[in-house]
Amino acid sequence: MLSRYRISKVVGDRFGGQFPAEQFAKRGVRYEASSKAKSDIYVDFLPKLNSGTVVLPRNDILVAAIGDEELRRRRNETYL
């Protein structure tokens, strides 16, 4: 899918150690670990998603993951 859009580099969180970088490298894509935590990446991403700037493919797993992150974020805000 990434090659269709000529994407040669992705940025993600540090979850999984070197495993994600190795898997992307096998497919010719460079994986760069973000300096931000996953929750910060999500907070930056959410306005883009809600405004329609970013359109995601229809995928039940992806929708569930974003929903799970939103629940975690709201729970954390409750305890701050």
N, C-alpha and C. Protein backbone atom coordinates (compact mmCIF):
# COMPACT_ATOMS: atom_id res chain seq x y z
N MET A 1 0.82 -1.18 0.00
CA MET A 1 0.00 0.00 0.00
C MET A 1 0.87 1.26 0.00
N LEU A 2 1.92 1.28 0.81
CA LEU A 2 2.76 2.47 0.88
C LEU A 2 3.43 2.77 -0.45
N SER A 3 3.83 1.73 -1.15
CA SER A 3 4.50 1.97 -2.44
C SER A 3 3.55 2.61 -3.45
N ARG A 4 2.28 2.31 -3.37
CA ARG A 4 1.30 2.94 -4.26
C ARG A 4 1.33 4.46 -4.14
N TYR A 5 1.58 4.93 -2.94
CA TYR A 5 1.60 6.37 -2.67
C TYR A 5 3.02 6.93 -2.62
N ARG A 6 3.98 6.11 -3.03
CA ARG A 6 5.40 6.49 -3.06
C ARG A 6 5.91 6.94 -1.69
N ILE A 7 5.47 6.24 -0.67
CA ILE A 7 5.92 6.53 0.69
C ILE A 7 7.13 5.67 0.99
N SER A 8 8.24 6.31 1.32
CA SER A 8 9.47 5.57 1.59
C SER A 8 9.92 5.69 3.04
N LYS A 9 9.23 6.52 3.84
CA LYS A 9 9.57 6.68 5.24
C LYS A 9 8.29 6.83 6.06
N VAL A 10 8.25 6.17 7.21
CA VAL A 10 7.14 6.33 8.15
C VAL A 10 7.72 6.70 9.51
N VAL A 11 6.91 7.36 10.32
CA VAL A 11 7.30 7.73 11.67
C VAL A 11 6.28 7.13 12.62
N GLY A 12 6.74 6.49 13.66
CA GLY A 12 5.84 5.87 14.62
C GLY A 12 6.40 5.91 16.02
N ASP A 13 5.67 5.34 16.95
CA ASP A 13 6.13 5.34 18.34
C ASP A 13 7.22 4.28 18.53
N ARG A 14 7.68 4.15 19.73
CA ARG A 14 8.80 3.23 20.02
C ARG A 14 8.34 1.84 20.46
N PHE A 15 7.05 1.59 20.40
CA PHE A 15 6.52 0.28 20.81
C PHE A 15 7.08 -0.81 19.89
N GLY A 16 7.51 -1.89 20.46
CA GLY A 16 7.98 -3.02 19.67
C GLY A 16 9.47 -3.01 19.39
N GLY A 17 10.20 -2.07 19.97
CA GLY A 17 11.65 -2.04 19.77
C GLY A 17 12.01 -1.91 18.30
N GLN A 18 12.91 -2.79 17.85
CA GLN A 18 13.38 -2.74 16.46
C GLN A 18 12.48 -3.53 15.50
N PHE A 19 11.53 -4.29 16.04
CA PHE A 19 10.69 -5.12 15.18
C PHE A 19 9.99 -4.34 14.07
N PRO A 20 9.30 -3.23 14.38
CA PRO A 20 8.65 -2.49 13.29
C PRO A 20 9.64 -2.00 12.24
N ALA A 21 10.78 -1.47 12.68
CA ALA A 21 11.78 -0.97 11.73
C ALA A 21 12.27 -2.09 10.82
N GLU A 22 12.49 -3.27 11.38
CA GLU A 22 12.95 -4.41 10.58
C GLU A 22 11.90 -4.83 9.55
N GLN A 23 10.65 -4.84 9.96
CA GLN A 23 9.58 -5.26 9.04
C GLN A 23 9.39 -4.25 7.91
N PHE A 24 9.44 -2.97 8.22
CA PHE A 24 9.34 -1.96 7.17
C PHE A 24 10.54 -2.03 6.24
N ALA A 25 11.74 -2.23 6.82
CA ALA A 25 12.96 -2.29 6.01
C ALA A 25 12.89 -3.42 4.99
N LYS A 26 12.30 -4.55 5.36
CA LYS A 26 12.14 -5.67 4.42
C LYS A 26 11.37 -5.26 3.18
N ARG A 27 10.56 -4.23 3.33
CA ARG A 27 9.71 -3.77 2.22
C ARG A 27 10.21 -2.45 1.62
N GLY A 28 11.44 -2.09 2.00
CA GLY A 28 12.05 -0.90 1.42
C GLY A 28 11.57 0.42 1.99
N VAL A 29 11.02 0.38 3.21
CA VAL A 29 10.51 1.59 3.85
C VAL A 29 11.30 1.83 5.13
N ARG A 30 11.75 3.07 5.31
CA ARG A 30 12.51 3.43 6.50
C ARG A 30 11.53 3.80 7.61
N TYR A 31 11.75 3.23 8.80
CA TYR A 31 10.92 3.51 9.97
C TYR A 31 11.71 4.40 10.92
N GLU A 32 11.15 5.53 11.24
CA GLU A 32 11.81 6.47 12.15
C GLU A 32 11.00 6.55 13.43
N ALA A 33 11.66 6.31 14.56
CA ALA A 33 10.97 6.39 15.85
C ALA A 33 10.75 7.86 16.20
N SER A 34 9.55 8.19 16.58
CA SER A 34 9.20 9.56 16.94
C SER A 34 9.81 9.94 18.28
N SER A 35 10.09 11.21 18.44
CA SER A 35 10.56 11.69 19.74
C SER A 35 9.38 11.85 20.70
N LYS A 36 8.15 11.78 20.17
CA LYS A 36 6.95 11.92 20.99
C LYS A 36 6.42 10.57 21.44
N ALA A 37 5.73 10.58 22.56
CA ALA A 37 5.04 9.38 23.06
C ALA A 37 3.79 9.13 22.20
N LYS A 38 3.31 7.89 22.22
CA LYS A 38 2.13 7.54 21.44
C LYS A 38 0.94 8.43 21.75
N SER A 39 0.73 8.74 23.01
CA SER A 39 -0.42 9.57 23.37
C SER A 39 -0.28 10.99 22.80
N ASP A 40 0.94 11.50 22.73
CA ASP A 40 1.16 12.83 22.15
C ASP A 40 0.96 12.81 20.64
N ILE A 41 1.38 11.73 20.00
CA ILE A 41 1.16 11.58 18.56
C ILE A 41 -0.35 11.58 18.29
N TYR A 42 -1.08 10.85 19.11
CA TYR A 42 -2.54 10.77 18.94
C TYR A 42 -3.18 12.14 19.11
N VAL A 43 -2.79 12.88 20.14
CA VAL A 43 -3.36 14.21 20.39
C VAL A 43 -3.09 15.14 19.20
N ASP A 44 -1.92 15.05 18.60
CA ASP A 44 -1.60 15.86 17.42
C ASP A 44 -2.39 15.42 16.20
N PHE A 45 -2.68 14.13 16.11
CA PHE A 45 -3.36 13.56 14.95
C PHE A 45 -4.87 13.80 14.96
N LEU A 46 -5.47 13.78 16.13
CA LEU A 46 -6.92 13.84 16.24
C LEU A 46 -7.55 15.04 15.53
N PRO A 47 -7.04 16.27 15.68
CA PRO A 47 -7.67 17.40 14.96
C PRO A 47 -7.62 17.23 13.44
N LYS A 48 -6.56 16.62 12.94
CA LYS A 48 -6.45 16.39 11.49
C LYS A 48 -7.50 15.38 11.03
N LEU A 49 -7.72 14.37 11.83
CA LEU A 49 -8.72 13.36 11.51
C LEU A 49 -10.13 13.97 11.57
N ASN A 50 -10.41 14.71 12.62
CA ASN A 50 -11.74 15.29 12.80
C ASN A 50 -12.07 16.36 11.76
N SER A 51 -11.05 17.05 11.26
CA SER A 51 -11.29 18.11 10.27
C SER A 51 -11.40 17.57 8.85
N GLY A 52 -11.07 16.29 8.68
CA GLY A 52 -11.12 15.71 7.33
C GLY A 52 -9.85 15.92 6.54
N THR A 53 -8.82 16.51 7.18
CA THR A 53 -7.52 16.69 6.52
C THR A 53 -6.91 15.34 6.20
N VAL A 54 -7.14 14.38 7.09
CA VAL A 54 -6.64 13.01 6.92
C VAL A 54 -7.86 12.10 6.75
N VAL A 55 -7.82 11.26 5.76
CA VAL A 55 -8.88 10.27 5.55
C VAL A 55 -8.24 8.89 5.65
N LEU A 56 -8.76 8.08 6.53
CA LEU A 56 -8.21 6.74 6.74
C LEU A 56 -9.00 5.71 5.95
N PRO A 57 -8.32 4.63 5.57
CA PRO A 57 -9.06 3.55 4.91
C PRO A 57 -10.04 2.91 5.89
N ARG A 58 -11.13 2.38 5.37
CA ARG A 58 -12.10 1.69 6.23
C ARG A 58 -11.46 0.38 6.69
N ASN A 59 -11.27 0.27 8.00
CA ASN A 59 -10.62 -0.90 8.55
C ASN A 59 -11.07 -1.02 10.01
N ASP A 60 -11.75 -2.10 10.33
CA ASP A 60 -12.30 -2.28 11.68
C ASP A 60 -11.22 -2.27 12.76
N ILE A 61 -10.07 -2.87 12.48
CA ILE A 61 -8.98 -2.91 13.46
C ILE A 61 -8.46 -1.51 13.72
N LEU A 62 -8.30 -0.73 12.67
CA LEU A 62 -7.82 0.64 12.81
C LEU A 62 -8.80 1.49 13.60
N VAL A 63 -10.07 1.37 13.29
CA VAL A 63 -11.11 2.12 14.01
C VAL A 63 -11.10 1.74 15.49
N ALA A 64 -10.97 0.46 15.79
CA ALA A 64 -10.95 0.01 17.19
C ALA A 64 -9.72 0.56 17.91
N ALA A 65 -8.56 0.57 17.25
CA ALA A 65 -7.33 1.06 17.87
C ALA A 65 -7.45 2.55 18.20
N ILE A 66 -8.01 3.32 17.28
CA ILE A 66 -8.18 4.76 17.53
C ILE A 66 -9.18 4.97 18.66
N GLY A 67 -10.24 4.20 18.69
CA GLY A 67 -11.22 4.28 19.77
C GLY A 67 -10.61 3.93 21.11
N ASP A 68 -9.78 2.90 21.15
CA ASP A 68 -9.11 2.50 22.39
C ASP A 68 -8.19 3.62 22.89
N GLU A 69 -7.47 4.25 21.99
CA GLU A 69 -6.57 5.34 22.38
C GLU A 69 -7.37 6.52 22.93
N GLU A 70 -8.51 6.80 22.33
CA GLU A 70 -9.36 7.90 22.82
C GLU A 70 -9.86 7.60 24.24
N LEU A 71 -10.25 6.36 24.50
CA LEU A 71 -10.70 5.98 25.85
C LEU A 71 -9.57 6.13 26.86
N ARG A 72 -8.36 5.70 26.50
CA ARG A 72 -7.21 5.83 27.40
C ARG A 72 -6.92 7.30 27.69
N ARG A 73 -6.99 8.12 26.65
CA ARG A 73 -6.70 9.55 26.82
C ARG A 73 -7.73 10.19 27.76
N ARG A 74 -8.99 9.87 27.57
CA ARG A 74 -10.04 10.45 28.42
C ARG A 74 -9.90 9.99 29.87
N ARG A 75 -9.55 8.71 30.05
CA ARG A 75 -9.35 8.21 31.41
C ARG A 75 -8.21 8.95 32.10
N ASN A 76 -7.11 9.17 31.35
CA ASN A 76 -5.95 9.86 31.92
C ASN A 76 -6.30 11.31 32.27
N GLU A 77 -7.10 11.98 31.45
CA GLU A 77 -7.50 13.36 31.72
C GLU A 77 -8.34 13.44 33.00
N THR A 78 -9.12 12.41 33.26
CA THR A 78 -9.97 12.37 34.43
C THR A 78 -9.13 12.39 35.71
N TYR A 79 -7.96 11.75 35.67
CA TYR A 79 -7.12 11.63 36.86
C TYR A 79 -6.10 12.74 37.00
N LEU A 80 -6.05 13.67 36.06
CA LEU A 80 -5.06 14.76 36.16
C LEU A 80 -5.52 15.87 37.07
